[in-house]
Amino acid sequence: VVLPFAYVGVGPRLAVVEVSDQSHPKLIGKTDLLPNLVMAVEVVETLAYVVDWSGLRVIDISMPDAPRIVGSVDVPDGTWDIDVEGTMAYIAGGVSGLHVIDVSAPDAPHIVSSLDTPGSTYGVQILGTLAYVADIGGMLVIDVSAPDALRIMGSIDTSSVARSVHVVGTVAYVADESSGLQVIDVSAPDAPRFVGSIDTPGFA
């Protein structure tokens, strides 16, 4: 949500919903069909970065009632999540790992590098020069200071499939399918450690 609008993946489209009147949200625009189902959206100023399972679509949202695709790049083997930092987009690409995409030219995004992770990547968050990645088996801390030379700094096993990660300060919150919410101290990126957890009734 970037008030007064919410940007929502609806099947193979990005929809723009006006939410200034919270009791009466209103659909005001949507894209043409994208190649595949929308998995995640990030908005930066007048651009929406959308991963649609088959790749990245860069969408101009400067006219909310007429969003339009301005650039795209395919990513192999599926896409699950995205985080944009500066001129780079970081994509969790499932079995193909973490991908770094240069979006400095929105009409010509291109893959700079990729890192094949131990499992499948489902979630990613960038904080400074580090990427925190939710992967089958746990959370990875990846040094992205050199986008074309990614390296894993640290990792921690969360017992099953880590689906998403959100970092606040030096604490990472990881949703793990079978073990619920895991709270992880990442103050030492090369040695993350558990500080707490809570089991959830179903898959987190």
C-alpha atoms as a PDB file:
ATOM      1  CA  VAL A   1       0.000   0.000   0.000  1.00  0.00           C
ATOM      2  CA  VAL A   2       1.283   3.453  -0.959  1.00  0.00           C
ATOM      3  CA  LEU A   3      -1.531   5.748   0.117  1.00  0.00           C
ATOM      4  CA  PRO A   4      -4.006   6.528  -1.269  1.00  0.00           C
ATOM      5  CA  PHE A   5      -3.577   3.387  -3.383  1.00  0.00           C
ATOM      6  CA  ALA A   6      -3.122  -0.332  -2.828  1.00  0.00           C
ATOM      7  CA  TYR A   7      -1.400  -2.368  -5.530  1.00  0.00           C
ATOM      8  CA  VAL A   8      -2.762  -5.890  -5.654  1.00  0.00           C
ATOM      9  CA  GLY A   9      -1.836  -8.961  -7.652  1.00  0.00           C
ATOM     10  CA  VAL A  10      -5.071 -10.439  -9.020  1.00  0.00           C
ATOM     11  CA  GLY A  11      -4.309 -13.547 -11.029  1.00  0.00           C
ATOM     12  CA  PRO A  12      -2.235 -12.437 -14.047  1.00  0.00           C
ATOM     13  CA  ARG A  13      -2.868  -8.705 -13.528  1.00  0.00           C
ATOM     14  CA  LEU A  14      -1.781  -5.848 -11.282  1.00  0.00           C
ATOM     15  CA  ALA A  15      -4.800  -3.975  -9.939  1.00  0.00           C
ATOM     16  CA  VAL A  16      -4.748  -0.451  -8.503  1.00  0.00           C
ATOM     17  CA  VAL A  17      -7.275   0.104  -5.722  1.00  0.00           C
ATOM     18  CA  GLU A  18      -8.031   3.500  -4.209  1.00  0.00           C
ATOM     19  CA  VAL A  19      -8.214   3.183  -0.413  1.00  0.00           C
ATOM     20  CA  SER A  20      -8.595   6.809   0.638  1.00  0.00           C
ATOM     21  CA  ASP A  21     -12.091   5.860   1.847  1.00  0.00           C
ATOM     22  CA  GLN A  22     -11.193   2.722   3.770  1.00  0.00           C
ATOM     23  CA  SER A  23     -14.794   1.604   4.090  1.00  0.00           C
ATOM     24  CA  HIS A  24     -15.289   1.789   0.316  1.00  0.00           C
ATOM     25  CA  PRO A  25     -12.125   0.751  -1.554  1.00  0.00           C
ATOM     26  CA  LYS A  26     -12.498   1.223  -5.291  1.00  0.00           C
ATOM     27  CA  LEU A  27     -10.804  -0.471  -8.239  1.00  0.00           C
ATOM     28  CA  ILE A  28      -9.538   2.263 -10.529  1.00  0.00           C
ATOM     29  CA  GLY A  29      -7.078   0.560 -12.868  1.00  0.00           C
ATOM     30  CA  LYS A  30      -5.461  -2.697 -13.912  1.00  0.00           C
ATOM     31  CA  THR A  31      -2.801  -3.881 -16.319  1.00  0.00           C
ATOM     32  CA  ASP A  32      -3.273  -6.001 -19.378  1.00  0.00           C
ATOM     33  CA  LEU A  33      -2.689  -9.711 -18.864  1.00  0.00           C
ATOM     34  CA  LEU A  34       0.798 -10.542 -17.622  1.00  0.00           C
ATOM     35  CA  PRO A  35       2.543 -13.742 -18.705  1.00  0.00           C
ATOM     36  CA  ASN A  36       1.713 -15.530 -15.453  1.00  0.00           C
ATOM     37  CA  LEU A  37       0.226 -15.230 -11.947  1.00  0.00           C
ATOM     38  CA  VAL A  38       1.406 -12.299  -9.837  1.00  0.00           C
ATOM     39  CA  MET A  39       3.390 -13.517  -6.820  1.00  0.00           C
ATOM     40  CA  ALA A  40       4.667 -10.276  -5.241  1.00  0.00           C
ATOM     41  CA  VAL A  41       4.660  -6.508  -5.765  1.00  0.00           C
ATOM     42  CA  GLU A  42       6.939  -3.700  -4.631  1.00  0.00           C
ATOM     43  CA  VAL A  43       6.239  -0.049  -5.371  1.00  0.00           C
ATOM     44  CA  VAL A  44       8.995   2.573  -5.591  1.00  0.00           C
ATOM     45  CA  GLU A  45       7.788   6.074  -6.484  1.00  0.00           C
ATOM     46  CA  THR A  46       5.995   5.808  -9.858  1.00  0.00           C
ATOM     47  CA  LEU A  47       7.044   2.244 -10.664  1.00  0.00           C
ATOM     48  CA  ALA A  48       5.658  -1.095  -9.538  1.00  0.00           C
ATOM     49  CA  TYR A  49       8.013  -4.051  -9.660  1.00  0.00           C
ATOM     50  CA  VAL A  50       5.971  -7.207 -10.127  1.00  0.00           C
ATOM     51  CA  VAL A  51       7.129 -10.816 -10.113  1.00  0.00           C
ATOM     52  CA  ASP A  52       4.627 -12.939 -11.955  1.00  0.00           C
ATOM     53  CA  TRP A  53       6.085 -16.428 -11.514  1.00  0.00           C
ATOM     54  CA  SER A  54       7.795 -16.304 -14.890  1.00  0.00           C
ATOM     55  CA  GLY A  55       9.809 -13.125 -14.357  1.00  0.00           C
ATOM     56  CA  LEU A  56       9.968  -9.440 -13.466  1.00  0.00           C
ATOM     57  CA  ARG A  57       7.622  -6.826 -14.965  1.00  0.00           C
ATOM     58  CA  VAL A  58       8.295  -3.122 -14.440  1.00  0.00           C
ATOM     59  CA  ILE A  59       5.020  -1.189 -14.513  1.00  0.00           C
ATOM     60  CA  ASP A  60       4.538   2.567 -14.796  1.00  0.00           C
ATOM     61  CA  ILE A  61       1.882   3.588 -12.253  1.00  0.00           C
ATOM     62  CA  SER A  62       2.187   7.357 -12.699  1.00  0.00           C
ATOM     63  CA  MET A  63      -1.369   7.222 -14.099  1.00  0.00           C
ATOM     64  CA  PRO A  64      -3.111   4.927 -11.589  1.00  0.00           C
ATOM     65  CA  ASP A  65      -6.117   4.422 -13.852  1.00  0.00           C
ATOM     66  CA  ALA A  66      -3.892   3.210 -16.683  1.00  0.00           C
ATOM     67  CA  PRO A  67      -0.886   1.239 -15.384  1.00  0.00           C
ATOM     68  CA  ARG A  68       1.324   0.004 -18.207  1.00  0.00           C
ATOM     69  CA  ILE A  69       4.238  -2.384 -18.566  1.00  0.00           C
ATOM     70  CA  VAL A  70       7.436  -0.577 -19.550  1.00  0.00           C
ATOM     71  CA  GLY A  71      10.013  -3.351 -19.174  1.00  0.00           C
ATOM     72  CA  SER A  72      10.423  -7.023 -18.352  1.00  0.00           C
ATOM     73  CA  VAL A  73      12.911  -9.837 -17.971  1.00  0.00           C
ATOM     74  CA  ASP A  74      12.231 -13.551 -17.650  1.00  0.00           C
ATOM     75  CA  VAL A  75      13.619 -15.523 -14.701  1.00  0.00           C
ATOM     76  CA  PRO A  76      14.029 -19.315 -14.927  1.00  0.00           C
ATOM     77  CA  ASP A  77      12.126 -21.759 -12.725  1.00  0.00           C
ATOM     78  CA  GLY A  78       9.633 -19.421 -11.062  1.00  0.00           C
ATOM     79  CA  THR A  79       9.658 -16.312  -8.897  1.00  0.00           C
ATOM     80  CA  TRP A  80       8.290 -15.892  -5.382  1.00  0.00           C
ATOM     81  CA  ASP A  81       9.325 -12.590  -3.837  1.00  0.00           C
ATOM     82  CA  ILE A  82      11.095  -9.303  -4.581  1.00  0.00           C
ATOM     83  CA  ASP A  83      12.883  -6.513  -2.752  1.00  0.00           C
ATOM     84  CA  VAL A  84      14.175  -3.417  -4.556  1.00  0.00           C
ATOM     85  CA  GLU A  85      17.129  -1.460  -3.241  1.00  0.00           C
ATOM     86  CA  GLY A  86      18.431   1.459  -5.272  1.00  0.00           C
ATOM     87  CA  THR A  87      18.912   0.373  -8.862  1.00  0.00           C
ATOM     88  CA  MET A  88      18.841  -3.349  -8.086  1.00  0.00           C
ATOM     89  CA  ALA A  89      15.939  -5.745  -7.681  1.00  0.00           C
ATOM     90  CA  TYR A  90      16.540  -8.921  -5.688  1.00  0.00           C
ATOM     91  CA  ILE A  91      14.291 -11.835  -6.575  1.00  0.00           C
ATOM     92  CA  ALA A  92      13.685 -15.096  -4.739  1.00  0.00           C
ATOM     93  CA  GLY A  93      13.592 -17.480  -7.669  1.00  0.00           C
ATOM     94  CA  GLY A  94      12.548 -20.799  -6.158  1.00  0.00           C
ATOM     95  CA  VAL A  95      14.795 -23.650  -7.280  1.00  0.00           C
ATOM     96  CA  SER A  96      17.031 -21.267  -9.242  1.00  0.00           C
ATOM     97  CA  GLY A  97      18.052 -19.321  -6.129  1.00  0.00           C
ATOM     98  CA  LEU A  98      18.589 -15.593  -5.657  1.00  0.00           C
ATOM     99  CA  HIS A  99      18.745 -13.289  -8.689  1.00  0.00           C
ATOM    100  CA  VAL A 100      20.032  -9.715  -8.858  1.00  0.00           C
ATOM    101  CA  ILE A 101      18.455  -7.600 -11.597  1.00  0.00           C
ATOM    102  CA  ASP A 102      19.649  -4.166 -12.690  1.00  0.00           C
ATOM    103  CA  VAL A 103      16.584  -1.904 -12.980  1.00  0.00           C
ATOM    104  CA  SER A 104      18.424   1.382 -13.526  1.00  0.00           C
ATOM    105  CA  ALA A 105      16.822   1.472 -16.982  1.00  0.00           C
ATOM    106  CA  PRO A 106      13.197   0.489 -16.256  1.00  0.00           C
ATOM    107  CA  ASP A 107      12.563  -0.324 -19.910  1.00  0.00           C
ATOM    108  CA  ALA A 108      15.518  -2.726 -20.056  1.00  0.00           C
ATOM    109  CA  PRO A 109      15.965  -4.649 -16.785  1.00  0.00           C
ATOM    110  CA  HIS A 110      18.624  -7.358 -16.973  1.00  0.00           C
ATOM    111  CA  ILE A 111      20.020 -10.060 -14.712  1.00  0.00           C
ATOM    112  CA  VAL A 112      23.394  -9.121 -13.226  1.00  0.00           C
ATOM    113  CA  SER A 113      24.047 -12.304 -11.290  1.00  0.00           C
ATOM    114  CA  SER A 114      22.449 -15.325  -9.664  1.00  0.00           C
ATOM    115  CA  LEU A 115      23.310 -17.506  -6.697  1.00  0.00           C
ATOM    116  CA  ASP A 116      22.138 -21.096  -6.519  1.00  0.00           C
ATOM    117  CA  THR A 117      21.128 -21.613  -2.887  1.00  0.00           C
ATOM    118  CA  PRO A 118      21.079 -24.970  -1.052  1.00  0.00           C
ATOM    119  CA  GLY A 119      17.292 -25.274  -1.443  1.00  0.00           C
ATOM    120  CA  SER A 120      14.545 -23.210  -3.053  1.00  0.00           C
ATOM    121  CA  THR A 121      14.283 -19.511  -2.201  1.00  0.00           C
ATOM    122  CA  TYR A 122      10.842 -18.176  -1.248  1.00  0.00           C
ATOM    123  CA  GLY A 123      11.464 -14.837   0.461  1.00  0.00           C
ATOM    124  CA  VAL A 124      14.040 -12.055   0.410  1.00  0.00           C
ATOM    125  CA  GLN A 125      14.712  -8.801   2.238  1.00  0.00           C
ATOM    126  CA  ILE A 126      17.638  -6.457   1.672  1.00  0.00           C
ATOM    127  CA  LEU A 127      19.135  -4.486   4.542  1.00  0.00           C
ATOM    128  CA  GLY A 128      22.235  -2.523   3.667  1.00  0.00           C
ATOM    129  CA  THR A 129      24.666  -4.842   1.909  1.00  0.00           C
ATOM    130  CA  LEU A 130      23.022  -8.025   3.157  1.00  0.00           C
ATOM    131  CA  ALA A 131      20.215 -10.149   1.756  1.00  0.00           C
ATOM    132  CA  TYR A 132      18.178 -12.225   4.180  1.00  0.00           C
ATOM    133  CA  VAL A 133      16.717 -15.161   2.279  1.00  0.00           C
ATOM    134  CA  ALA A 134      14.053 -17.661   3.301  1.00  0.00           C
ATOM    135  CA  ASP A 135      15.112 -20.986   1.811  1.00  0.00           C
ATOM    136  CA  ILE A 136      14.116 -24.611   2.111  1.00  0.00           C
ATOM    137  CA  GLY A 137      15.823 -25.672   5.323  1.00  0.00           C
ATOM    138  CA  GLY A 138      16.300 -22.249   6.833  1.00  0.00           C
ATOM    139  CA  MET A 139      17.425 -18.653   6.529  1.00  0.00           C
ATOM    140  CA  LEU A 140      20.518 -17.529   4.636  1.00  0.00           C
ATOM    141  CA  VAL A 141      22.484 -14.304   5.073  1.00  0.00           C
ATOM    142  CA  ILE A 142      24.050 -13.328   1.748  1.00  0.00           C
ATOM    143  CA  ASP A 143      26.616 -10.597   1.116  1.00  0.00           C
ATOM    144  CA  VAL A 144      25.357  -8.497  -1.821  1.00  0.00           C
ATOM    145  CA  SER A 145      27.909  -5.689  -1.510  1.00  0.00           C
ATOM    146  CA  ALA A 146      29.254  -6.773  -4.901  1.00  0.00           C
ATOM    147  CA  PRO A 147      26.070  -7.603  -6.875  1.00  0.00           C
ATOM    148  CA  ASP A 148      28.023  -9.619  -9.419  1.00  0.00           C
ATOM    149  CA  ALA A 149      29.789 -11.708  -6.748  1.00  0.00           C
ATOM    150  CA  LEU A 150      27.217 -12.888  -4.222  1.00  0.00           C
ATOM    151  CA  ARG A 151      28.345 -15.058  -1.328  1.00  0.00           C
ATOM    152  CA  ILE A 152      26.638 -16.788   1.577  1.00  0.00           C
ATOM    153  CA  MET A 153      27.936 -15.400   4.888  1.00  0.00           C
ATOM    154  CA  GLY A 154      25.815 -17.314   7.355  1.00  0.00           C
ATOM    155  CA  SER A 155      22.831 -19.617   7.693  1.00  0.00           C
ATOM    156  CA  ILE A 156      20.554 -21.190  10.264  1.00  0.00           C
ATOM    157  CA  ASP A 157      18.356 -24.277  10.018  1.00  0.00           C
ATOM    158  CA  THR A 158      14.681 -23.584  10.781  1.00  0.00           C
ATOM    159  CA  SER A 159      13.753 -27.291  10.573  1.00  0.00           C
ATOM    160  CA  SER A 160      11.509 -27.236   7.488  1.00  0.00           C
ATOM    161  CA  VAL A 161      10.616 -24.768   4.730  1.00  0.00           C
ATOM    162  CA  ALA A 162      11.277 -21.105   5.502  1.00  0.00           C
ATOM    163  CA  ARG A 163       8.643 -19.210   3.515  1.00  0.00           C
ATOM    164  CA  SER A 164       9.281 -15.550   4.314  1.00  0.00           C
ATOM    165  CA  VAL A 165      11.582 -13.276   6.270  1.00  0.00           C
ATOM    166  CA  HIS A 166      11.343  -9.762   7.661  1.00  0.00           C
ATOM    167  CA  VAL A 167      14.238  -8.041   9.399  1.00  0.00           C
ATOM    168  CA  VAL A 168      13.947  -5.207  11.911  1.00  0.00           C
ATOM    169  CA  GLY A 169      17.254  -3.911  13.216  1.00  0.00           C
ATOM    170  CA  THR A 170      19.273  -6.957  14.230  1.00  0.00           C
ATOM    171  CA  VAL A 171      16.342  -9.364  14.495  1.00  0.00           C
ATOM    172  CA  ALA A 172      14.959 -11.532  11.692  1.00  0.00           C
ATOM    173  CA  TYR A 173      11.423 -12.911  11.861  1.00  0.00           C
ATOM    174  CA  VAL A 174      11.046 -16.057   9.769  1.00  0.00           C
ATOM    175  CA  ALA A 175       7.830 -17.887   8.916  1.00  0.00           C
ATOM    176  CA  ASP A 176       8.674 -21.585   8.794  1.00  0.00           C
ATOM    177  CA  GLU A 177       6.077 -24.028   7.486  1.00  0.00           C
ATOM    178  CA  SER A 178       6.126 -26.615  10.248  1.00  0.00           C
ATOM    179  CA  SER A 179       7.690 -24.760  13.185  1.00  0.00           C
ATOM    180  CA  GLY A 180       5.829 -21.433  13.083  1.00  0.00           C
ATOM    181  CA  LEU A 181       7.418 -18.047  13.690  1.00  0.00           C
ATOM    182  CA  GLN A 182      11.143 -18.106  14.391  1.00  0.00           C
ATOM    183  CA  VAL A 183      12.901 -15.106  15.954  1.00  0.00           C
ATOM    184  CA  ILE A 184      16.579 -14.949  15.009  1.00  0.00           C
ATOM    185  CA  ASP A 185      19.379 -12.672  16.193  1.00  0.00           C
ATOM    186  CA  VAL A 186      21.365 -11.523  13.153  1.00  0.00           C
ATOM    187  CA  SER A 187      23.652  -9.046  14.906  1.00  0.00           C
ATOM    188  CA  ALA A 188      26.507 -11.349  13.822  1.00  0.00           C
ATOM    189  CA  PRO A 189      25.559 -12.047  10.172  1.00  0.00           C
ATOM    190  CA  ASP A 190      27.992 -14.949   9.922  1.00  0.00           C
ATOM    191  CA  ALA A 191      26.488 -16.637  12.989  1.00  0.00           C
ATOM    192  CA  PRO A 192      22.721 -16.082  13.254  1.00  0.00           C
ATOM    193  CA  ARG A 193      21.158 -17.641  16.350  1.00  0.00           C
ATOM    194  CA  PHE A 194      17.677 -18.414  17.629  1.00  0.00           C
ATOM    195  CA  VAL A 195      16.288 -16.240  20.420  1.00  0.00           C
ATOM    196  CA  GLY A 196      12.653 -17.360  20.394  1.00  0.00           C
ATOM    197  CA  SER A 197       9.856 -19.063  18.519  1.00  0.00           C
ATOM    198  CA  ILE A 198       6.154 -19.770  18.612  1.00  0.00           C
ATOM    199  CA  ASP A 199       4.406 -22.701  16.973  1.00  0.00           C
ATOM    200  CA  THR A 200       1.386 -21.809  14.844  1.00  0.00           C
ATOM    201  CA  PRO A 201      -1.710 -23.998  14.400  1.00  0.00           C
ATOM    202  CA  GLY A 202      -0.990 -24.576  10.706  1.00  0.00           C
ATOM    203  CA  PHE A 203       1.671 -23.765   8.144  1.00  0.00           C
ATOM    204  CA  ALA A 204       3.271 -20.370   8.747  1.00  0.00           C
END
